PDB file of N, CA and C in Angstrom:
ATOM      1  N   MET A   1      -5.761 -19.593  26.647  1.00  0.00           N
ATOM      2  CA  MET A   1      -4.374 -19.565  26.227  1.00  0.00           C
ATOM      3  C   MET A   1      -4.273 -18.858  24.875  1.00  0.00           C
ATOM      4  N   CYS A   2      -3.331 -17.962  24.743  1.00  0.00           N
ATOM      5  CA  CYS A   2      -3.129 -17.209  23.505  1.00  0.00           C
ATOM      6  C   CYS A   2      -2.202 -17.992  22.576  1.00  0.00           C
ATOM      7  N   LEU A   3      -2.592 -18.094  21.335  1.00  0.00           N
ATOM      8  CA  LEU A   3      -1.804 -18.840  20.363  1.00  0.00           C
ATOM      9  C   LEU A   3      -0.761 -17.985  19.655  1.00  0.00           C
ATOM     10  N   PHE A   4      -0.806 -16.660  19.859  1.00  0.00           N
ATOM     11  CA  PHE A   4       0.075 -15.754  19.134  1.00  0.00           C
ATOM     12  C   PHE A   4       1.084 -15.118  20.082  1.00  0.00           C
ATOM     13  N   SER A   5       2.280 -14.905  19.604  1.00  0.00           N
ATOM     14  CA  SER A   5       3.307 -14.218  20.377  1.00  0.00           C
ATOM     15  C   SER A   5       3.384 -12.773  19.911  1.00  0.00           C
ATOM     16  N   TYR A   6       3.174 -11.852  20.843  1.00  0.00           N
ATOM     17  CA  TYR A   6       3.192 -10.436  20.506  1.00  0.00           C
ATOM     18  C   TYR A   6       4.488  -9.757  20.923  1.00  0.00           C
ATOM     19  N   ALA A   7       5.452 -10.521  21.410  1.00  0.00           N
ATOM     20  CA  ALA A   7       6.693  -9.934  21.917  1.00  0.00           C
ATOM     21  C   ALA A   7       7.475  -9.205  20.834  1.00  0.00           C
ATOM     22  N   GLU A   8       7.354  -9.645  19.579  1.00  0.00           N
ATOM     23  CA  GLU A   8       8.156  -9.039  18.520  1.00  0.00           C
ATOM     24  C   GLU A   8       7.350  -8.165  17.585  1.00  0.00           C
ATOM     25  N   ASP A   9       6.088  -7.904  17.905  1.00  0.00           N
ATOM     26  CA  ASP A   9       5.279  -7.015  17.077  1.00  0.00           C
ATOM     27  C   ASP A   9       5.772  -5.587  17.246  1.00  0.00           C
ATOM     28  N   PRO A  10       5.961  -4.851  16.144  1.00  0.00           N
ATOM     29  CA  PRO A  10       6.411  -3.462  16.275  1.00  0.00           C
ATOM     30  C   PRO A  10       5.295  -2.583  16.807  1.00  0.00           C
ATOM     31  N   ASP A  11       5.695  -1.522  17.454  1.00  0.00           N
ATOM     32  CA  ASP A  11       4.741  -0.509  17.903  1.00  0.00           C
ATOM     33  C   ASP A  11       4.155   0.155  16.661  1.00  0.00           C
ATOM     34  N   PRO A  12       2.837   0.351  16.573  1.00  0.00           N
ATOM     35  CA  PRO A  12       2.251   0.961  15.369  1.00  0.00           C
ATOM     36  C   PRO A  12       2.836   2.325  15.027  1.00  0.00           C
ATOM     37  N   ASP A  13       3.318   3.056  16.029  1.00  0.00           N
ATOM     38  CA  ASP A  13       3.907   4.369  15.756  1.00  0.00           C
ATOM     39  C   ASP A  13       5.327   4.269  15.214  1.00  0.00           C
ATOM     40  N   GLU A  14       5.950   3.105  15.332  1.00  0.00           N
ATOM     41  CA  GLU A  14       7.310   2.908  14.847  1.00  0.00           C
ATOM     42  C   GLU A  14       7.257   2.174  13.517  1.00  0.00           C
ATOM     43  N   GLN A  15       7.096   2.923  12.453  1.00  0.00           N
ATOM     44  CA  GLN A  15       6.993   2.313  11.138  1.00  0.00           C
ATOM     45  C   GLN A  15       8.363   2.216  10.498  1.00  0.00           C
ATOM     46  N   ALA A  16       8.521   1.226   9.648  1.00  0.00           N
ATOM     47  CA  ALA A  16       9.776   1.047   8.931  1.00  0.00           C
ATOM     48  C   ALA A  16       9.947   2.185   7.930  1.00  0.00           C
ATOM     49  N   PRO A  17      11.187   2.597   7.642  1.00  0.00           N
ATOM     50  CA  PRO A  17      11.405   3.656   6.650  1.00  0.00           C
ATOM     51  C   PRO A  17      10.820   3.266   5.292  1.00  0.00           C
ATOM     52  N   ALA A  18      10.259   4.246   4.624  1.00  0.00           N
ATOM     53  CA  ALA A  18       9.605   3.988   3.341  1.00  0.00           C
ATOM     54  C   ALA A  18      10.594   3.871   2.198  1.00  0.00           C
ATOM     55  N   GLY A  19      11.802   4.391   2.350  1.00  0.00           N
ATOM     56  CA  GLY A  19      12.780   4.334   1.273  1.00  0.00           C
ATOM     57  C   GLY A  19      12.510   5.402   0.226  1.00  0.00           C
ATOM     58  N   LEU A  20      12.793   5.090  -1.032  1.00  0.00           N
ATOM     59  CA  LEU A  20      12.587   6.032  -2.126  1.00  0.00           C
ATOM     60  C   LEU A  20      11.101   6.176  -2.424  1.00  0.00           C
ATOM     61  N   LEU A  21      10.650   7.419  -2.505  1.00  0.00           N
ATOM     62  CA  LEU A  21       9.241   7.709  -2.760  1.00  0.00           C
ATOM     63  C   LEU A  21       9.086   8.539  -4.019  1.00  0.00           C
ATOM     64  N   PHE A  22       7.959   8.359  -4.689  1.00  0.00           N
ATOM     65  CA  PHE A  22       7.579   9.221  -5.804  1.00  0.00           C
ATOM     66  C   PHE A  22       6.679  10.295  -5.198  1.00  0.00           C
ATOM     67  N   VAL A  23       7.138  11.536  -5.263  1.00  0.00           N
ATOM     68  CA  VAL A  23       6.473  12.645  -4.574  1.00  0.00           C
ATOM     69  C   VAL A  23       5.828  13.578  -5.590  1.00  0.00           C
ATOM     70  N   PRO A  24       4.522  13.850  -5.458  1.00  0.00           N
ATOM     71  CA  PRO A  24       3.853  14.756  -6.390  1.00  0.00           C
ATOM     72  C   PRO A  24       4.320  16.196  -6.194  1.00  0.00           C
ATOM     73  N   VAL A  25       4.514  16.893  -7.310  1.00  0.00           N
ATOM     74  CA  VAL A  25       4.960  18.289  -7.294  1.00  0.00           C
ATOM     75  C   VAL A  25       4.128  19.101  -8.283  1.00  0.00           C
ATOM     76  N   ARG A  26       4.225  20.409  -8.160  1.00  0.00           N
ATOM     77  CA  ARG A  26       3.672  21.328  -9.161  1.00  0.00           C
ATOM     78  C   ARG A  26       4.851  21.942  -9.888  1.00  0.00           C
ATOM     79  N   THR A  27       4.714  22.141 -11.173  1.00  0.00           N
ATOM     80  CA  THR A  27       5.786  22.736 -11.963  1.00  0.00           C
ATOM     81  C   THR A  27       5.645  24.249 -11.938  1.00  0.00           C
ATOM     82  N   GLN A  28       6.704  24.934 -11.513  1.00  0.00           N
ATOM     83  CA  GLN A  28       6.752  26.390 -11.474  1.00  0.00           C
ATOM     84  C   GLN A  28       7.936  26.862 -12.314  1.00  0.00           C
ATOM     85  N   ALA A  29       8.003  28.157 -12.576  1.00  0.00           N
ATOM     86  CA  ALA A  29       9.097  28.693 -13.380  1.00  0.00           C
ATOM     87  C   ALA A  29      10.453  28.437 -12.717  1.00  0.00           C
ATOM     88  N   ALA A  30      10.500  28.493 -11.391  1.00  0.00           N
ATOM     89  CA  ALA A  30      11.756  28.296 -10.674  1.00  0.00           C
ATOM     90  C   ALA A  30      12.101  26.826 -10.479  1.00  0.00           C
ATOM     91  N   GLY A  31      11.180  25.921 -10.818  1.00  0.00           N
ATOM     92  CA  GLY A  31      11.421  24.491 -10.656  1.00  0.00           C
ATOM     93  C   GLY A  31      10.249  23.824  -9.977  1.00  0.00           C
ATOM     94  N   PRO A  32      10.372  22.543  -9.657  1.00  0.00           N
ATOM     95  CA  PRO A  32       9.256  21.830  -9.035  1.00  0.00           C
ATOM     96  C   PRO A  32       9.009  22.295  -7.599  1.00  0.00           C
ATOM     97  N   VAL A  33       7.732  22.342  -7.231  1.00  0.00           N
ATOM     98  CA  VAL A  33       7.324  22.728  -5.881  1.00  0.00           C
ATOM     99  C   VAL A  33       6.530  21.568  -5.286  1.00  0.00           C
ATOM    100  N   LEU A  34       6.885  21.178  -4.085  1.00  0.00           N
ATOM    101  CA  LEU A  34       6.236  20.072  -3.402  1.00  0.00           C
ATOM    102  C   LEU A  34       4.753  20.342  -3.202  1.00  0.00           C
ATOM    103  N   ARG A  35       3.905  19.381  -3.552  1.00  0.00           N
ATOM    104  CA  ARG A  35       2.468  19.489  -3.280  1.00  0.00           C
ATOM    105  C   ARG A  35       2.208  19.039  -1.857  1.00  0.00           C
ATOM    106  N   VAL A  36       1.417  19.790  -1.145  1.00  0.00           N
ATOM    107  CA  VAL A  36       1.028  19.454   0.223  1.00  0.00           C
ATOM    108  C   VAL A  36      -0.467  19.179   0.210  1.00  0.00           C
ATOM    109  N   PHE A  37      -0.877  18.144   0.904  1.00  0.00           N
ATOM    110  CA  PHE A  37      -2.275  17.734   0.945  1.00  0.00           C
ATOM    111  C   PHE A  37      -2.816  17.911   2.349  1.00  0.00           C
ATOM    112  N   ARG A  38      -4.094  17.597   2.528  1.00  0.00           N
ATOM    113  CA  ARG A  38      -4.723  17.631   3.851  1.00  0.00           C
ATOM    114  C   ARG A  38      -5.370  16.280   4.127  1.00  0.00           C
ATOM    115  N   THR A  39      -5.314  15.882   5.393  1.00  0.00           N
ATOM    116  CA  THR A  39      -5.995  14.664   5.821  1.00  0.00           C
ATOM    117  C   THR A  39      -7.488  14.969   5.888  1.00  0.00           C
ATOM    118  N   PRO A  40      -8.339  13.953   6.051  1.00  0.00           N
ATOM    119  CA  PRO A  40      -9.779  14.217   6.184  1.00  0.00           C
ATOM    120  C   PRO A  40     -10.119  15.155   7.342  1.00  0.00           C
ATOM    121  N   LEU A  41      -9.252  15.223   8.351  1.00  0.00           N
ATOM    122  CA  LEU A  41      -9.490  16.125   9.482  1.00  0.00           C
ATOM    123  C   LEU A  41      -8.866  17.497   9.279  1.00  0.00           C
ATOM    124  N   GLY A  42      -8.247  17.728   8.123  1.00  0.00           N
ATOM    125  CA  GLY A  42      -7.716  19.045   7.794  1.00  0.00           C
ATOM    126  C   GLY A  42      -6.248  19.262   8.116  1.00  0.00           C
ATOM    127  N   GLU A  43      -5.561  18.257   8.637  1.00  0.00           N
ATOM    128  CA  GLU A  43      -4.140  18.407   8.965  1.00  0.00           C
ATOM    129  C   GLU A  43      -3.306  18.367   7.683  1.00  0.00           C
ATOM    130  N   ARG A  44      -2.360  19.306   7.566  1.00  0.00           N
ATOM    131  CA  ARG A  44      -1.480  19.326   6.393  1.00  0.00           C
ATOM    132  C   ARG A  44      -0.541  18.127   6.448  1.00  0.00           C
ATOM    133  N   THR A  45      -0.319  17.513   5.286  1.00  0.00           N
ATOM    134  CA  THR A  45       0.508  16.317   5.229  1.00  0.00           C
ATOM    135  C   THR A  45       1.285  16.256   3.921  1.00  0.00           C
ATOM    136  N   ALA A  46       2.464  15.683   3.999  1.00  0.00           N
ATOM    137  CA  ALA A  46       3.231  15.359   2.799  1.00  0.00           C
ATOM    138  C   ALA A  46       2.761  13.990   2.318  1.00  0.00           C
ATOM    139  N   VAL A  47       2.906  13.743   1.032  1.00  0.00           N
ATOM    140  CA  VAL A  47       2.450  12.493   0.450  1.00  0.00           C
ATOM    141  C   VAL A  47       3.553  11.923  -0.425  1.00  0.00           C
ATOM    142  N   GLY A  48       3.755  10.615  -0.322  1.00  0.00           N
ATOM    143  CA  GLY A  48       4.710   9.926  -1.169  1.00  0.00           C
ATOM    144  C   GLY A  48       4.155   8.563  -1.566  1.00  0.00           C
ATOM    145  N   PHE A  49       4.583   8.076  -2.708  1.00  0.00           N
ATOM    146  CA  PHE A  49       4.113   6.791  -3.212  1.00  0.00           C
ATOM    147  C   PHE A  49       5.309   5.872  -3.423  1.00  0.00           C
ATOM    148  N   THR A  50       5.151   4.619  -3.046  1.00  0.00           N
ATOM    149  CA  THR A  50       6.245   3.662  -3.199  1.00  0.00           C
ATOM    150  C   THR A  50       6.409   3.189  -4.630  1.00  0.00           C
ATOM    151  N   ARG A  51       5.360   3.330  -5.436  1.00  0.00           N
ATOM    152  CA  ARG A  51       5.431   2.953  -6.856  1.00  0.00           C
ATOM    153  C   ARG A  51       4.737   4.024  -7.681  1.00  0.00           C
ATOM    154  N   ARG A  52       5.270   4.239  -8.865  1.00  0.00           N
ATOM    155  CA  ARG A  52       4.705   5.264  -9.746  1.00  0.00           C
ATOM    156  C   ARG A  52       3.280   4.921 -10.186  1.00  0.00           C
ATOM    157  N   ASP A  53       2.979   3.645 -10.387  1.00  0.00           N
ATOM    158  CA  ASP A  53       1.633   3.273 -10.811  1.00  0.00           C
ATOM    159  C   ASP A  53       0.594   3.580  -9.728  1.00  0.00           C
ATOM    160  N   LEU A  54       0.982   3.529  -8.461  1.00  0.00           N
ATOM    161  CA  LEU A  54       0.061   3.898  -7.378  1.00  0.00           C
ATOM    162  C   LEU A  54      -0.226   5.401  -7.413  1.00  0.00           C
ATOM    163  N   LEU A  55       0.803   6.194  -7.700  1.00  0.00           N
ATOM    164  CA  LEU A  55       0.617   7.640  -7.826  1.00  0.00           C
ATOM    165  C   LEU A  55      -0.302   7.941  -8.998  1.00  0.00           C
ATOM    166  N   THR A  56      -0.073   7.288 -10.126  1.00  0.00           N
ATOM    167  CA  THR A  56      -0.899   7.514 -11.312  1.00  0.00           C
ATOM    168  C   THR A  56      -2.346   7.123 -11.060  1.00  0.00           C
ATOM    169  N   ALA A  57      -2.574   6.016 -10.361  1.00  0.00           N
ATOM    170  CA  ALA A  57      -3.937   5.584 -10.069  1.00  0.00           C
ATOM    171  C   ALA A  57      -4.666   6.573  -9.164  1.00  0.00           C
ATOM    172  N   THR A  58      -3.935   7.256  -8.289  1.00  0.00           N
ATOM    173  CA  THR A  58      -4.558   8.172  -7.342  1.00  0.00           C
ATOM    174  C   THR A  58      -4.677   9.590  -7.888  1.00  0.00           C
ATOM    175  N   LEU A  59      -3.618  10.092  -8.535  1.00  0.00           N
ATOM    176  CA  LEU A  59      -3.585  11.498  -8.952  1.00  0.00           C
ATOM    177  C   LEU A  59      -3.652  11.711 -10.458  1.00  0.00           C
ATOM    178  N   GLY A  60      -3.609  10.650 -11.241  1.00  0.00           N
ATOM    179  CA  GLY A  60      -3.707  10.789 -12.684  1.00  0.00           C
ATOM    180  C   GLY A  60      -2.358  10.721 -13.375  1.00  0.00           C
ATOM    181  N   ALA A  61      -2.411  10.442 -14.668  1.00  0.00           N
ATOM    182  CA  ALA A  61      -1.195  10.231 -15.451  1.00  0.00           C
ATOM    183  C   ALA A  61      -0.398  11.513 -15.672  1.00  0.00           C
ATOM    184  N   GLY A  62      -1.046  12.664 -15.630  1.00  0.00           N
ATOM    185  CA  GLY A  62      -0.349  13.917 -15.904  1.00  0.00           C
ATOM    186  C   GLY A  62       0.316  14.547 -14.698  1.00  0.00           C
ATOM    187  N   GLN A  63       0.300  13.893 -13.549  1.00  0.00           N
ATOM    188  CA  GLN A  63       0.856  14.467 -12.331  1.00  0.00           C
ATOM    189  C   GLN A  63       2.385  14.474 -12.378  1.00  0.00           C
ATOM    190  N   PRO A  64       3.019  15.672 -12.330  1.00  0.00           N
ATOM    191  CA  PRO A  64       4.483  15.704 -12.258  1.00  0.00           C
ATOM    192  C   PRO A  64       4.960  15.094 -10.937  1.00  0.00           C
ATOM    193  N   VAL A  65       6.126  14.461 -10.979  1.00  0.00           N
ATOM    194  CA  VAL A  65       6.622  13.739  -9.816  1.00  0.00           C
ATOM    195  C   VAL A  65       8.140  13.844  -9.752  1.00  0.00           C
ATOM    196  N   ILE A  66       8.678  13.811  -8.535  1.00  0.00           N
ATOM    197  CA  ILE A  66      10.131  13.723  -8.355  1.00  0.00           C
ATOM    198  C   ILE A  66      10.407  12.588  -7.372  1.00  0.00           C
ATOM    199  N   PRO A  67      11.513  11.886  -7.543  1.00  0.00           N
ATOM    200  CA  PRO A  67      11.875  10.851  -6.570  1.00  0.00           C
ATOM    201  C   PRO A  67      12.615  11.485  -5.394  1.00  0.00           C
ATOM    202  N   LEU A  68      12.205  11.137  -4.184  1.00  0.00           N
ATOM    203  CA  LEU A  68      12.861  11.619  -2.971  1.00  0.00           C
ATOM    204  C   LEU A  68      12.913  10.494  -1.954  1.00  0.00           C
ATOM    205  N   ALA A  69      13.997  10.433  -1.194  1.00  0.00           N
ATOM    206  CA  ALA A  69      14.053   9.516  -0.073  1.00  0.00           C
ATOM    207  C   ALA A  69      13.182  10.064   1.048  1.00  0.00           C
ATOM    208  N   GLU A  70      12.652   9.176   1.872  1.00  0.00           N
ATOM    209  CA  GLU A  70      11.773   9.606   2.966  1.00  0.00           C
ATOM    210  C   GLU A  70      12.429  10.656   3.868  1.00  0.00           C
ATOM    211  N   PRO A  71      13.697  10.491   4.279  1.00  0.00           N
ATOM    212  CA  PRO A  71      14.301  11.526   5.135  1.00  0.00           C
ATOM    213  C   PRO A  71      14.394  12.891   4.442  1.00  0.00           C
ATOM    214  N   ALA A  72      14.624  12.900   3.136  1.00  0.00           N
ATOM    215  CA  ALA A  72      14.690  14.170   2.400  1.00  0.00           C
ATOM    216  C   ALA A  72      13.318  14.840   2.352  1.00  0.00           C
ATOM    217  N   LEU A  73      12.270  14.048   2.146  1.00  0.00           N
ATOM    218  CA  LEU A  73      10.917  14.600   2.129  1.00  0.00           C
ATOM    219  C   LEU A  73      10.552  15.169   3.497  1.00  0.00           C
ATOM    220  N   ARG A  74      10.890  14.456   4.549  1.00  0.00           N
ATOM    221  CA  ARG A  74      10.618  14.959   5.899  1.00  0.00           C
ATOM    222  C   ARG A  74      11.405  16.239   6.180  1.00  0.00           C
ATOM    223  N   ALA A  75      12.652  16.304   5.706  1.00  0.00           N
ATOM    224  CA  ALA A  75      13.481  17.494   5.907  1.00  0.00           C
ATOM    225  C   ALA A  75      12.899  18.708   5.171  1.00  0.00           C
ATOM    226  N   LEU A  76      12.289  18.484   4.011  1.00  0.00           N
ATOM    227  CA  LEU A  76      11.671  19.583   3.265  1.00  0.00           C
ATOM    228  C   LEU A  76      10.394  20.100   3.929  1.00  0.00           C
ATOM    229  N   THR A  77       9.648  19.206   4.549  1.00  0.00           N
ATOM    230  CA  THR A  77       8.348  19.599   5.104  1.00  0.00           C
ATOM    231  C   THR A  77       8.425  20.050   6.557  1.00  0.00           C
ATOM    232  N   GLU A  78       9.454  19.658   7.274  1.00  0.00           N
ATOM    233  CA  GLU A  78       9.563  20.031   8.685  1.00  0.00           C
ATOM    234  C   GLU A  78       9.579  21.545   8.910  1.00  0.00           C
ATOM    235  N   PRO A  79      10.339  22.336   8.133  1.00  0.00           N
ATOM    236  CA  PRO A  79      10.310  23.792   8.348  1.00  0.00           C
ATOM    237  C   PRO A  79       8.943  24.422   8.090  1.00  0.00           C
ATOM    238  N   LEU A  80       8.085  23.718   7.358  1.00  0.00           N
ATOM    239  CA  LEU A  80       6.737  24.213   7.080  1.00  0.00           C
ATOM    240  C   LEU A  80       5.749  23.833   8.169  1.00  0.00           C
ATOM    241  N   GLY A  81       6.222  23.111   9.187  1.00  0.00           N
ATOM    242  CA  GLY A  81       5.358  22.678  10.267  1.00  0.00           C
ATOM    243  C   GLY A  81       4.545  21.441   9.923  1.00  0.00           C
ATOM    244  N   ILE A  82       4.990  20.711   8.924  1.00  0.00           N
ATOM    245  CA  ILE A  82       4.285  19.501   8.492  1.00  0.00           C
ATOM    246  C   ILE A  82       5.055  18.299   9.031  1.00  0.00           C
ATOM    247  N   GLY A  83       4.452  17.615   9.990  1.00  0.00           N
ATOM    248  CA  GLY A  83       5.112  16.482  10.607  1.00  0.00           C
ATOM    249  C   GLY A  83       4.580  15.143  10.140  1.00  0.00           C
ATOM    250  N   ARG A  84       3.501  15.154   9.396  1.00  0.00           N
ATOM    251  CA  ARG A  84       2.874  13.904   8.960  1.00  0.00           C
ATOM    252  C   ARG A  84       3.267  13.584   7.521  1.00  0.00           C
ATOM    253  N   LEU A  85       3.577  12.313   7.286  1.00  0.00           N
ATOM    254  CA  LEU A  85       3.856  11.806   5.943  1.00  0.00           C
ATOM    255  C   LEU A  85       2.926  10.632   5.698  1.00  0.00           C
ATOM    256  N   VAL A  86       2.136  10.704   4.647  1.00  0.00           N
ATOM    257  CA  VAL A  86       1.242   9.615   4.269  1.00  0.00           C
ATOM    258  C   VAL A  86       1.846   8.921   3.058  1.00  0.00           C
ATOM    259  N   VAL A  87       2.055   7.620   3.202  1.00  0.00           N
ATOM    260  CA  VAL A  87       2.640   6.823   2.119  1.00  0.00           C
ATOM    261  C   VAL A  87       1.532   5.999   1.462  1.00  0.00           C
ATOM    262  N   ASP A  88       1.482   6.066   0.139  1.00  0.00           N
ATOM    263  CA  ASP A  88       0.511   5.335  -0.678  1.00  0.00           C
ATOM    264  C   ASP A  88      -0.948   5.596  -0.281  1.00  0.00           C
ATOM    265  N   PRO A  89      -1.344   6.874  -0.230  1.00  0.00           N
ATOM    266  CA  PRO A  89      -2.755   7.143   0.067  1.00  0.00           C
ATOM    267  C   PRO A  89      -3.617   6.803  -1.141  1.00  0.00           C
ATOM    268  N   VAL A  90      -4.901   6.662  -0.900  1.00  0.00           N
ATOM    269  CA  VAL A  90      -5.861   6.490  -1.988  1.00  0.00           C
ATOM    270  C   VAL A  90      -6.825   7.663  -1.942  1.00  0.00           C
ATOM    271  N   LEU A  91      -7.218   8.119  -3.094  1.00  0.00           N
ATOM    272  CA  LEU A  91      -8.125   9.254  -3.176  1.00  0.00           C
ATOM    273  C   LEU A  91      -9.513   8.808  -2.748  1.00  0.00           C
ATOM    274  N   THR A  92     -10.124   9.558  -1.840  1.00  0.00           N
ATOM    275  CA  THR A  92     -11.448   9.194  -1.350  1.00  0.00           C
ATOM    276  C   THR A  92     -12.488  10.256  -1.639  1.00  0.00           C
ATOM    277  N   ALA A  93     -12.115  11.272  -2.376  1.00  0.00           N
ATOM    278  CA  ALA A  93     -13.062  12.340  -2.703  1.00  0.00           C
ATOM    279  C   ALA A  93     -14.026  11.875  -3.786  1.00  0.00           C
ATOM    280  N   PRO A  94     -15.229  12.448  -3.814  1.00  0.00           N
ATOM    281  CA  PRO A  94     -16.147  12.076  -4.890  1.00  0.00           C
ATOM    282  C   PRO A  94     -15.615  12.548  -6.244  1.00  0.00           C
ATOM    283  N   ALA A  95     -16.031  11.890  -7.284  1.00  0.00           N
ATOM    284  CA  ALA A  95     -15.589  12.254  -8.631  1.00  0.00           C
ATOM    285  C   ALA A  95     -16.059  13.664  -8.977  1.00  0.00           C
ATOM    286  N   VAL A  96     -15.265  14.345  -9.765  1.00  0.00           N
ATOM    287  CA  VAL A  96     -15.594  15.693 -10.210  1.00  0.00           C
ATOM    288  C   VAL A  96     -16.700  15.616 -11.254  1.00  0.00           C
ATOM    289  N   ILE A  97     -17.705  16.449 -11.098  1.00  0.00           N
ATOM    290  CA  ILE A  97     -18.811  16.493 -12.046  1.00  0.00           C
ATOM    291  C   ILE A  97     -18.535  17.612 -13.032  1.00  0.00           C
ATOM    292  N   THR A  98     -18.536  17.272 -14.306  1.00  0.00           N
ATOM    293  CA  THR A  98     -18.353  18.288 -15.325  1.00  0.00           C
ATOM    294  C   THR A  98     -19.716  18.648 -15.901  1.00  0.00           C
ATOM    295  N   GLY A  99     -19.878  19.866 -16.263  1.00  0.00           N
ATOM    296  CA  GLY A  99     -21.154  20.319 -16.812  1.00  0.00           C
ATOM    297  C   GLY A  99     -22.062  20.841 -15.716  1.00  0.00           C
ATOM    298  N   PRO A 100     -23.197  21.345 -16.096  1.00  0.00           N
ATOM    299  CA  PRO A 100     -24.115  21.923 -15.105  1.00  0.00           C
ATOM    300  C   PRO A 100     -24.755  20.838 -14.234  1.00  0.00           C
ATOM    301  N   LEU A 101     -25.071  21.198 -12.992  1.00  0.00           N
ATOM    302  CA  LEU A 101     -25.723  20.259 -12.092  1.00  0.00           C
ATOM    303  C   LEU A 101     -27.175  20.030 -12.480  1.00  0.00           C
ATOM    304  N   TYR A 102     -27.764  21.019 -13.140  1.00  0.00           N
ATOM    305  CA  TYR A 102     -29.148  20.858 -13.577  1.00  0.00           C
ATOM    306  C   TYR A 102     -29.371  21.705 -14.817  1.00  0.00           C
ATOM    307  N   THR A 103     -30.380  21.364 -15.562  1.00  0.00           N
ATOM    308  CA  THR A 103     -30.810  22.155 -16.708  1.00  0.00           C
ATOM    309  C   THR A 103     -32.317  22.344 -16.590  1.00  0.00           C
ATOM    310  N   ALA A 104     -32.858  23.180 -17.398  1.00  0.00           N
ATOM    311  CA  ALA A 104     -34.286  23.471 -17.325  1.00  0.00           C
ATOM    312  C   ALA A 104     -35.127  22.244 -17.655  1.00  0.00           C
ATOM    313  N   ASP A 105     -34.620  21.348 -18.523  1.00  0.00           N
ATOM    314  CA  ASP A 105     -35.415  20.188 -18.922  1.00  0.00           C
ATOM    315  C   ASP A 105     -35.046  18.905 -18.198  1.00  0.00           C
ATOM    316  N   ALA A 106     -34.087  18.937 -17.256  1.00  0.00           N
ATOM    317  CA  ALA A 106     -33.691  17.740 -16.530  1.00  0.00           C
ATOM    318  C   ALA A 106     -33.644  18.045 -15.034  1.00  0.00           C
ATOM    319  N   PRO A 107     -34.009  17.091 -14.202  1.00  0.00           N
ATOM    320  CA  PRO A 107     -33.941  17.313 -12.762  1.00  0.00           C
ATOM    321  C   PRO A 107     -32.498  17.409 -12.279  1.00  0.00           C
ATOM    322  N   ALA A 108     -32.331  17.982 -11.108  1.00  0.00           N
ATOM    323  CA  ALA A 108     -30.985  18.115 -10.543  1.00  0.00           C
ATOM    324  C   ALA A 108     -30.409  16.741 -10.246  1.00  0.00           C
ATOM    325  N   ARG A 109     -29.085  16.605 -10.483  1.00  0.00           N
ATOM    326  CA  ARG A 109     -28.406  15.347 -10.171  1.00  0.00           C
ATOM    327  C   ARG A 109     -28.055  15.317  -8.693  1.00  0.00           C
ATOM    328  N   ALA A 110     -28.149  14.157  -8.116  1.00  0.00           N
ATOM    329  CA  ALA A 110     -27.776  14.005  -6.704  1.00  0.00           C
ATOM    330  C   ALA A 110     -26.269  14.069  -6.580  1.00  0.00           C
ATOM    331  N   LEU A 111     -25.800  14.757  -5.582  1.00  0.00           N
ATOM    332  CA  LEU A 111     -24.372  14.810  -5.320  1.00  0.00           C
ATOM    333  C   LEU A 111     -24.061  13.729  -4.380  1.00  0.00           C
TER     334      LEU A 111
END
């Protein structure tokens, strides 16, 4: 006997609207330009954050941002062929190494 009722569980593909998002942009002479990212499989995706502190934790404090509603962000990316929107992603790339990977007097660092 199942103890849980699944009749009212939403379909995973039917997500609730995200509402107002903090969207990362690049600053250009003509104004802000939406940043587009890639998923681990290489698919282009728009990115939005529900809170500014989540954006700062993922992309850094110096990242320019504009507030956009989810439908507005989707409307901007649809003509570019971008159908995916990732909300509150976390950065999974390895940390950037500054300086040389090796020197004559030190062994190479493992990546």
